Full PDB file with SEQRES, HELIX, SHEET, SSBOND, CRYST1, ORIGX, SCALE, CONECT and MASTER records, all heavy atoms in Angstrom:
SEQRES   1 A   32  ASP GLY GLY ALA HIS GLU VAL GLU HIS ASP ALA GLU GLY          
SEQRES   2 A   32  ASN VAL THR THR SER ARG ASP VAL TRP VAL ASN ARG GLY          
SEQRES   3 A   32  ILE ALA LEU SER ILE GLY                                      
HELIX    1 AA1 SER A   18  ILE A   31  1                                  14    
CRYST1    1.000    1.000    1.000  90.00  90.00  90.00 P 1           1          
ORIGX1      1.000000  0.000000  0.000000        0.00000                         
ORIGX2      0.000000  1.000000  0.000000        0.00000                         
ORIGX3      0.000000  0.000000  1.000000        0.00000                         
SCALE1      1.000000  0.000000  0.000000        0.00000                         
SCALE2      0.000000  1.000000  0.000000        0.00000                         
SCALE3      0.000000  0.000000  1.000000        0.00000                         
ATOM      1  N   ASP A   1       6.420  -2.885  16.641  1.00  0.00           N  
ATOM      2  CA  ASP A   1       6.253  -2.011  17.798  1.00  0.00           C  
ATOM      3  C   ASP A   1       5.662  -0.657  17.433  1.00  0.00           C  
ATOM      4  O   ASP A   1       5.594   0.252  18.254  1.00  0.00           O  
ATOM      5  CB  ASP A   1       7.596  -1.806  18.512  1.00  0.00           C  
ATOM      6  CG  ASP A   1       8.645  -1.176  17.595  1.00  0.00           C  
ATOM      7  OD1 ASP A   1       8.309  -0.861  16.432  1.00  0.00           O  
ATOM      8  OD2 ASP A   1       9.783  -1.007  18.055  1.00  0.00           O  
ATOM      9  N   GLY A   2       5.223  -0.510  16.199  1.00  0.00           N  
ATOM     10  CA  GLY A   2       4.555   0.718  15.804  1.00  0.00           C  
ATOM     11  C   GLY A   2       5.485   1.772  15.250  1.00  0.00           C  
ATOM     12  O   GLY A   2       5.041   2.853  14.871  1.00  0.00           O  
ATOM     13  N   GLY A   3       6.784   1.483  15.129  1.00  0.00           N  
ATOM     14  CA  GLY A   3       7.706   2.468  14.600  1.00  0.00           C  
ATOM     15  C   GLY A   3       7.627   2.584  13.097  1.00  0.00           C  
ATOM     16  O   GLY A   3       7.416   1.604  12.396  1.00  0.00           O  
ATOM     17  N   ALA A   4       7.774   3.783  12.580  1.00  0.00           N  
ATOM     18  CA  ALA A   4       7.668   3.990  11.137  1.00  0.00           C  
ATOM     19  C   ALA A   4       8.977   3.648  10.459  1.00  0.00           C  
ATOM     20  O   ALA A   4      10.050   3.887  10.985  1.00  0.00           O  
ATOM     21  CB  ALA A   4       7.280   5.436  10.849  1.00  0.00           C  
ATOM     22  N   HIS A   5       8.884   3.085   9.263  1.00  0.00           N  
ATOM     23  CA  HIS A   5      10.061   2.750   8.477  1.00  0.00           C  
ATOM     24  C   HIS A   5       9.938   3.377   7.095  1.00  0.00           C  
ATOM     25  O   HIS A   5       8.996   4.102   6.794  1.00  0.00           O  
ATOM     26  CB  HIS A   5      10.207   1.222   8.368  1.00  0.00           C  
ATOM     27  CG  HIS A   5      10.623   0.587   9.665  1.00  0.00           C  
ATOM     28  ND1 HIS A   5      11.916   0.575  10.109  1.00  0.00           N  
ATOM     29  CD2 HIS A   5       9.890  -0.037  10.615  1.00  0.00           C  
ATOM     30  CE1 HIS A   5      11.989  -0.051  11.268  1.00  0.00           C  
ATOM     31  NE2 HIS A   5      10.763  -0.424  11.603  1.00  0.00           N  
ATOM     32  N   GLU A   6      10.894   3.075   6.237  1.00  0.00           N  
ATOM     33  CA  GLU A   6      10.902   3.647   4.898  1.00  0.00           C  
ATOM     34  C   GLU A   6       9.706   3.147   4.103  1.00  0.00           C  
ATOM     35  O   GLU A   6       9.372   1.966   4.130  1.00  0.00           O  
ATOM     36  CB  GLU A   6      12.189   3.223   4.171  1.00  0.00           C  
ATOM     37  CG  GLU A   6      12.392   3.944   2.844  1.00  0.00           C  
ATOM     38  CD  GLU A   6      12.712   5.410   3.015  1.00  0.00           C  
ATOM     39  OE1 GLU A   6      13.191   5.782   4.086  1.00  0.00           O  
ATOM     40  OE2 GLU A   6      12.473   6.167   2.063  1.00  0.00           O  
ATOM     41  N   VAL A   7       9.009   4.040   3.441  1.00  0.00           N  
ATOM     42  CA  VAL A   7       7.867   3.673   2.624  1.00  0.00           C  
ATOM     43  C   VAL A   7       8.105   4.107   1.202  1.00  0.00           C  
ATOM     44  O   VAL A   7       8.968   4.928   0.922  1.00  0.00           O  
ATOM     45  CB  VAL A   7       6.558   4.312   3.165  1.00  0.00           C  
ATOM     46  CG1 VAL A   7       6.263   3.822   4.551  1.00  0.00           C  
ATOM     47  CG2 VAL A   7       6.666   5.830   3.158  1.00  0.00           C  
ATOM     48  N   GLU A   8       7.332   3.578   0.258  1.00  0.00           N  
ATOM     49  CA  GLU A   8       7.477   3.919  -1.143  1.00  0.00           C  
ATOM     50  C   GLU A   8       6.821   5.265  -1.436  1.00  0.00           C  
ATOM     51  O   GLU A   8       5.788   5.603  -0.872  1.00  0.00           O  
ATOM     52  CB  GLU A   8       6.835   2.825  -1.998  1.00  0.00           C  
ATOM     53  CG  GLU A   8       7.511   1.465  -1.831  1.00  0.00           C  
ATOM     54  CD  GLU A   8       6.837   0.415  -2.686  1.00  0.00           C  
ATOM     55  OE1 GLU A   8       6.033   0.796  -3.555  1.00  0.00           O  
ATOM     56  OE2 GLU A   8       7.124  -0.775  -2.489  1.00  0.00           O  
ATOM     57  N   HIS A   9       7.441   6.030  -2.344  1.00  0.00           N  
ATOM     58  CA  HIS A   9       6.901   7.326  -2.733  1.00  0.00           C  
ATOM     59  C   HIS A   9       6.863   7.415  -4.259  1.00  0.00           C  
ATOM     60  O   HIS A   9       7.615   6.728  -4.956  1.00  0.00           O  
ATOM     61  CB  HIS A   9       7.768   8.470  -2.180  1.00  0.00           C  
ATOM     62  CG  HIS A   9       7.761   8.551  -0.687  1.00  0.00           C  
ATOM     63  ND1 HIS A   9       8.490   7.704   0.105  1.00  0.00           N  
ATOM     64  CD2 HIS A   9       7.106   9.399   0.161  1.00  0.00           C  
ATOM     65  CE1 HIS A   9       8.311   8.007   1.387  1.00  0.00           C  
ATOM     66  NE2 HIS A   9       7.470   9.029   1.438  1.00  0.00           N  
ATOM     67  N   ASP A  10       5.955   8.252  -4.746  1.00  0.00           N  
ATOM     68  CA  ASP A  10       5.905   8.455  -6.183  1.00  0.00           C  
ATOM     69  C   ASP A  10       6.879   9.554  -6.587  1.00  0.00           C  
ATOM     70  O   ASP A  10       7.680  10.018  -5.770  1.00  0.00           O  
ATOM     71  CB  ASP A  10       4.475   8.782  -6.631  1.00  0.00           C  
ATOM     72  CG  ASP A  10       3.935  10.035  -5.946  1.00  0.00           C  
ATOM     73  OD1 ASP A  10       4.748  10.844  -5.450  1.00  0.00           O  
ATOM     74  OD2 ASP A  10       2.701  10.211  -5.906  1.00  0.00           O  
ATOM     75  N   ALA A  11       6.812   9.975  -7.859  1.00  0.00           N  
ATOM     76  CA  ALA A  11       7.775  10.959  -8.364  1.00  0.00           C  
ATOM     77  C   ALA A  11       7.680  12.302  -7.649  1.00  0.00           C  
ATOM     78  O   ALA A  11       8.655  13.043  -7.581  1.00  0.00           O  
ATOM     79  CB  ALA A  11       7.554  11.158  -9.877  1.00  0.00           C  
ATOM     80  N   GLU A  12       6.510  12.596  -7.084  1.00  0.00           N  
ATOM     81  CA  GLU A  12       6.338  13.873  -6.394  1.00  0.00           C  
ATOM     82  C   GLU A  12       6.571  13.764  -4.898  1.00  0.00           C  
ATOM     83  O   GLU A  12       6.353  14.720  -4.160  1.00  0.00           O  
ATOM     84  CB  GLU A  12       4.915  14.389  -6.663  1.00  0.00           C  
ATOM     85  CG  GLU A  12       4.642  14.658  -8.144  1.00  0.00           C  
ATOM     86  CD  GLU A  12       3.214  15.110  -8.357  1.00  0.00           C  
ATOM     87  OE1 GLU A  12       2.445  15.126  -7.367  1.00  0.00           O  
ATOM     88  OE2 GLU A  12       2.868  15.458  -9.502  1.00  0.00           O  
ATOM     89  N   GLY A  13       7.006  12.615  -4.450  1.00  0.00           N  
ATOM     90  CA  GLY A  13       7.314  12.448  -3.045  1.00  0.00           C  
ATOM     91  C   GLY A  13       6.135  12.022  -2.183  1.00  0.00           C  
ATOM     92  O   GLY A  13       6.242  11.970  -0.966  1.00  0.00           O  
ATOM     93  N   ASN A  14       4.992  11.687  -2.779  1.00  0.00           N  
ATOM     94  CA  ASN A  14       3.826  11.271  -2.020  1.00  0.00           C  
ATOM     95  C   ASN A  14       3.827   9.755  -1.829  1.00  0.00           C  
ATOM     96  O   ASN A  14       4.287   9.011  -2.693  1.00  0.00           O  
ATOM     97  CB  ASN A  14       2.531  11.683  -2.741  1.00  0.00           C  
ATOM     98  CG  ASN A  14       2.449  13.185  -2.928  1.00  0.00           C  
ATOM     99  OD1 ASN A  14       2.747  13.942  -2.004  1.00  0.00           O  
ATOM    100  ND2 ASN A  14       2.042  13.615  -4.126  1.00  0.00           N  
ATOM    101  N   VAL A  15       3.297   9.338  -0.685  1.00  0.00           N  
ATOM    102  CA  VAL A  15       3.186   7.904  -0.440  1.00  0.00           C  
ATOM    103  C   VAL A  15       2.182   7.315  -1.421  1.00  0.00           C  
ATOM    104  O   VAL A  15       1.080   7.824  -1.584  1.00  0.00           O  
ATOM    105  CB  VAL A  15       2.727   7.631   1.009  1.00  0.00           C  
ATOM    106  CG1 VAL A  15       2.550   6.129   1.233  1.00  0.00           C  
ATOM    107  CG2 VAL A  15       3.750   8.201   1.984  1.00  0.00           C  
ATOM    108  N   THR A  16       2.559   6.244  -2.085  1.00  0.00           N  
ATOM    109  CA  THR A  16       1.667   5.648  -3.073  1.00  0.00           C  
ATOM    110  C   THR A  16       0.545   4.887  -2.369  1.00  0.00           C  
ATOM    111  O   THR A  16       0.773   4.201  -1.388  1.00  0.00           O  
ATOM    112  CB  THR A  16       2.429   4.685  -3.985  1.00  0.00           C  
ATOM    113  OG1 THR A  16       3.072   3.688  -3.172  1.00  0.00           O  
ATOM    114  CG2 THR A  16       3.478   5.417  -4.790  1.00  0.00           C  
ATOM    115  N   THR A  17      -0.666   5.003  -2.874  1.00  0.00           N  
ATOM    116  CA  THR A  17      -1.812   4.355  -2.249  1.00  0.00           C  
ATOM    117  C   THR A  17      -2.655   3.560  -3.240  1.00  0.00           C  
ATOM    118  O   THR A  17      -3.330   2.626  -2.849  1.00  0.00           O  
ATOM    119  CB  THR A  17      -2.726   5.395  -1.582  1.00  0.00           C  
ATOM    120  OG1 THR A  17      -3.125   6.349  -2.563  1.00  0.00           O  
ATOM    121  CG2 THR A  17      -1.986   6.106  -0.449  1.00  0.00           C  
ATOM    122  N   SER A  18      -2.657   3.922  -4.530  1.00  0.00           N  
ATOM    123  CA  SER A  18      -3.520   3.245  -5.492  1.00  0.00           C  
ATOM    124  C   SER A  18      -3.183   1.765  -5.597  1.00  0.00           C  
ATOM    125  O   SER A  18      -4.074   0.912  -5.671  1.00  0.00           O  
ATOM    126  CB  SER A  18      -3.413   3.904  -6.867  1.00  0.00           C  
ATOM    127  OG  SER A  18      -2.072   3.863  -7.338  1.00  0.00           O  
ATOM    128  N   ARG A  19      -1.886   1.459  -5.565  1.00  0.00           N  
ATOM    129  CA  ARG A  19      -1.504   0.054  -5.639  1.00  0.00           C  
ATOM    130  C   ARG A  19      -1.961  -0.687  -4.388  1.00  0.00           C  
ATOM    131  O   ARG A  19      -2.370  -1.850  -4.450  1.00  0.00           O  
ATOM    132  CB  ARG A  19       0.011  -0.074  -5.795  1.00  0.00           C  
ATOM    133  CG  ARG A  19       0.440  -1.512  -6.133  1.00  0.00           C  
ATOM    134  CD  ARG A  19       1.929  -1.646  -6.256  1.00  0.00           C  
ATOM    135  NE  ARG A  19       2.590  -1.498  -4.965  1.00  0.00           N  
ATOM    136  CZ  ARG A  19       3.909  -1.600  -4.797  1.00  0.00           C  
ATOM    137  NH1 ARG A  19       4.679  -1.789  -5.840  1.00  0.00           N  
ATOM    138  NH2 ARG A  19       4.442  -1.476  -3.601  1.00  0.00           N  
ATOM    139  N   ASP A  20      -1.897   0.008  -3.230  1.00  0.00           N  
ATOM    140  CA  ASP A  20      -2.339  -0.620  -1.997  1.00  0.00           C  
ATOM    141  C   ASP A  20      -3.820  -0.970  -2.036  1.00  0.00           C  
ATOM    142  O   ASP A  20      -4.253  -1.988  -1.491  1.00  0.00           O  
ATOM    143  CB  ASP A  20      -2.071   0.307  -0.802  1.00  0.00           C  
ATOM    144  CG  ASP A  20      -0.592   0.542  -0.582  1.00  0.00           C  
ATOM    145  OD1 ASP A  20       0.210  -0.249  -1.113  1.00  0.00           O  
ATOM    146  OD2 ASP A  20      -0.239   1.508   0.111  1.00  0.00           O  
ATOM    147  N   VAL A  21      -4.620  -0.126  -2.678  1.00  0.00           N  
ATOM    148  CA  VAL A  21      -6.048  -0.403  -2.814  1.00  0.00           C  
ATOM    149  C   VAL A  21      -6.259  -1.694  -3.590  1.00  0.00           C  
ATOM    150  O   VAL A  21      -7.067  -2.558  -3.208  1.00  0.00           O  
ATOM    151  CB  VAL A  21      -6.765   0.768  -3.512  1.00  0.00           C  
ATOM    152  CG1 VAL A  21      -8.216   0.380  -3.832  1.00  0.00           C  
ATOM    153  CG2 VAL A  21      -6.733   2.017  -2.637  1.00  0.00           C  
ATOM    154  N   TRP A  22      -5.524  -1.847  -4.688  1.00  0.00           N  
ATOM    155  CA  TRP A  22      -5.667  -3.053  -5.495  1.00  0.00           C  
ATOM    156  C   TRP A  22      -5.094  -4.271  -4.794  1.00  0.00           C  
ATOM    157  O   TRP A  22      -5.610  -5.385  -4.961  1.00  0.00           O  
ATOM    158  CB  TRP A  22      -5.016  -2.856  -6.859  1.00  0.00           C  
ATOM    159  CG  TRP A  22      -5.869  -2.023  -7.758  1.00  0.00           C  
ATOM    160  CD1 TRP A  22      -5.712  -0.701  -8.067  1.00  0.00           C  
ATOM    161  CD2 TRP A  22      -7.051  -2.443  -8.433  1.00  0.00           C  
ATOM    162  NE1 TRP A  22      -6.714  -0.282  -8.895  1.00  0.00           N  
ATOM    163  CE2 TRP A  22      -7.553  -1.321  -9.138  1.00  0.00           C  
ATOM    164  CE3 TRP A  22      -7.739  -3.659  -8.505  1.00  0.00           C  
ATOM    165  CZ2 TRP A  22      -8.717  -1.390  -9.903  1.00  0.00           C  
ATOM    166  CZ3 TRP A  22      -8.896  -3.727  -9.278  1.00  0.00           C  
ATOM    167  CH2 TRP A  22      -9.367  -2.599  -9.966  1.00  0.00           C  
ATOM    168  N   VAL A  23      -4.039  -4.069  -4.001  1.00  0.00           N  
ATOM    169  CA  VAL A  23      -3.521  -5.182  -3.203  1.00  0.00           C  
ATOM    170  C   VAL A  23      -4.579  -5.631  -2.196  1.00  0.00           C  
ATOM    171  O   VAL A  23      -4.831  -6.838  -2.024  1.00  0.00           O  
ATOM    172  CB  VAL A  23      -2.229  -4.768  -2.470  1.00  0.00           C  
ATOM    173  CG1 VAL A  23      -1.863  -5.808  -1.413  1.00  0.00           C  
ATOM    174  CG2 VAL A  23      -1.086  -4.607  -3.457  1.00  0.00           C  
ATOM    175  N   ASN A  24      -5.235  -4.656  -1.546  1.00  0.00           N  
ATOM    176  CA  ASN A  24      -6.293  -4.984  -0.585  1.00  0.00           C  
ATOM    177  C   ASN A  24      -7.433  -5.714  -1.277  1.00  0.00           C  
ATOM    178  O   ASN A  24      -7.988  -6.684  -0.751  1.00  0.00           O  
ATOM    179  CB  ASN A  24      -6.804  -3.698   0.074  1.00  0.00           C  
ATOM    180  CG  ASN A  24      -7.441  -3.970   1.422  1.00  0.00           C  
ATOM    181  OD1 ASN A  24      -7.838  -5.092   1.713  1.00  0.00           O  
ATOM    182  ND2 ASN A  24      -7.546  -2.945   2.242  1.00  0.00           N  
ATOM    183  N   ARG A  25      -7.786  -5.263  -2.471  1.00  0.00           N  
ATOM    184  CA  ARG A  25      -8.844  -5.939  -3.219  1.00  0.00           C  
ATOM    185  C   ARG A  25      -8.434  -7.358  -3.606  1.00  0.00           C  
ATOM    186  O   ARG A  25      -9.244  -8.290  -3.572  1.00  0.00           O  
ATOM    187  CB  ARG A  25      -9.185  -5.144  -4.477  1.00  0.00           C  
ATOM    188  CG  ARG A  25      -9.964  -3.861  -4.198  1.00  0.00           C  
ATOM    189  CD  ARG A  25     -10.239  -3.096  -5.471  1.00  0.00           C  
ATOM    190  NE  ARG A  25     -11.112  -1.956  -5.235  1.00  0.00           N  
ATOM    191  CZ  ARG A  25     -11.475  -1.081  -6.167  1.00  0.00           C  
ATOM    192  NH1 ARG A  25     -11.009  -1.223  -7.412  1.00  0.00           N  
ATOM    193  NH2 ARG A  25     -12.282  -0.086  -5.877  1.00  0.00           N  
ATOM    194  N   GLY A  26      -7.173  -7.510  -3.992  1.00  0.00           N  
ATOM    195  CA  GLY A  26      -6.684  -8.842  -4.338  1.00  0.00           C  
ATOM    196  C   GLY A  26      -6.718  -9.786  -3.147  1.00  0.00           C  
ATOM    197  O   GLY A  26      -7.065 -10.968  -3.287  1.00  0.00           O  
ATOM    198  N   ILE A  27      -6.374  -9.258  -1.969  1.00  0.00           N  
ATOM    199  CA  ILE A  27      -6.437 -10.075  -0.747  1.00  0.00           C  
ATOM    200  C   ILE A  27      -7.879 -10.463  -0.463  1.00  0.00           C  
ATOM    201  O   ILE A  27      -8.173 -11.616  -0.117  1.00  0.00           O  
ATOM    202  CB  ILE A  27      -5.827  -9.305   0.438  1.00  0.00           C  
ATOM    203  CG1 ILE A  27      -4.326  -9.088   0.210  1.00  0.00           C  
ATOM    204  CG2 ILE A  27      -6.055 -10.059   1.745  1.00  0.00           C  
ATOM    205  CD1 ILE A  27      -3.680  -8.171   1.234  1.00  0.00           C  
ATOM    206  N   ALA A  28      -8.808  -9.486  -0.597  1.00  0.00           N  
ATOM    207  CA  ALA A  28     -10.225  -9.776  -0.376  1.00  0.00           C  
ATOM    208  C   ALA A  28     -10.725 -10.841  -1.347  1.00  0.00           C  
ATOM    209  O   ALA A  28     -11.494 -11.741  -0.974  1.00  0.00           O  
ATOM    210  CB  ALA A  28     -11.047  -8.496  -0.520  1.00  0.00           C  
ATOM    211  N   LEU A  29     -10.289 -10.760  -2.603  1.00  0.00           N  
ATOM    212  CA  LEU A  29     -10.679 -11.749  -3.607  1.00  0.00           C  
ATOM    213  C   LEU A  29     -10.179 -13.135  -3.226  1.00  0.00           C  
ATOM    214  O   LEU A  29     -10.918 -14.125  -3.303  1.00  0.00           O  
ATOM    215  CB  LEU A  29     -10.136 -11.338  -4.970  1.00  0.00           C  
ATOM    216  CG  LEU A  29     -10.398 -12.302  -6.132  1.00  0.00           C  
ATOM    217  CD1 LEU A  29     -11.897 -12.447  -6.384  1.00  0.00           C  
ATOM    218  CD2 LEU A  29      -9.682 -11.821  -7.396  1.00  0.00           C  
ATOM    219  N   SER A  30      -8.916 -13.212  -2.800  1.00  0.00           N  
ATOM    220  CA  SER A  30      -8.331 -14.507  -2.422  1.00  0.00           C  
ATOM    221  C   SER A  30      -9.057 -15.106  -1.224  1.00  0.00           C  
ATOM    222  O   SER A  30      -9.363 -16.316  -1.204  1.00  0.00           O  
ATOM    223  CB  SER A  30      -6.844 -14.327  -2.100  1.00  0.00           C  
ATOM    224  OG  SER A  30      -6.140 -13.792  -3.206  1.00  0.00           O  
ATOM    225  N   ILE A  31      -9.334 -14.274  -0.212  1.00  0.00           N  
ATOM    226  CA  ILE A  31     -10.050 -14.756   0.972  1.00  0.00           C  
ATOM    227  C   ILE A  31     -11.455 -15.195   0.593  1.00  0.00           C  
ATOM    228  O   ILE A  31     -11.967 -16.210   1.095  1.00  0.00           O  
ATOM    229  CB  ILE A  31     -10.083 -13.666   2.055  1.00  0.00           C  
ATOM    230  CG1 ILE A  31      -8.665 -13.424   2.595  1.00  0.00           C  
ATOM    231  CG2 ILE A  31     -11.024 -14.043   3.197  1.00  0.00           C  
ATOM    232  CD1 ILE A  31      -8.564 -12.269   3.568  1.00  0.00           C  
ATOM    233  N   GLY A  32     -12.101 -14.442  -0.300  1.00  0.00           N  
ATOM    234  CA  GLY A  32     -13.446 -14.806  -0.731  1.00  0.00           C  
ATOM    235  C   GLY A  32     -13.476 -16.156  -1.427  1.00  0.00           C  
ATOM    236  O   GLY A  32     -14.365 -16.985  -1.173  1.00  0.00           O  
TER     237      GLY A  32                                                      
MASTER        0    0    0    1    0    0    0    6  236    1    0    3          
END                                                                             
C-alpha cells in the first residue's frame, strides 16, 4: 500500500544502495 517500513542502513545511518545496484544488475543478467 505504499507505506514505508524498516530499511537497511550502513554504519553512518545512510540507506545502503551499492548492493541494490548489483542486485538490479544480477536480476537484469538473469532475465537476459
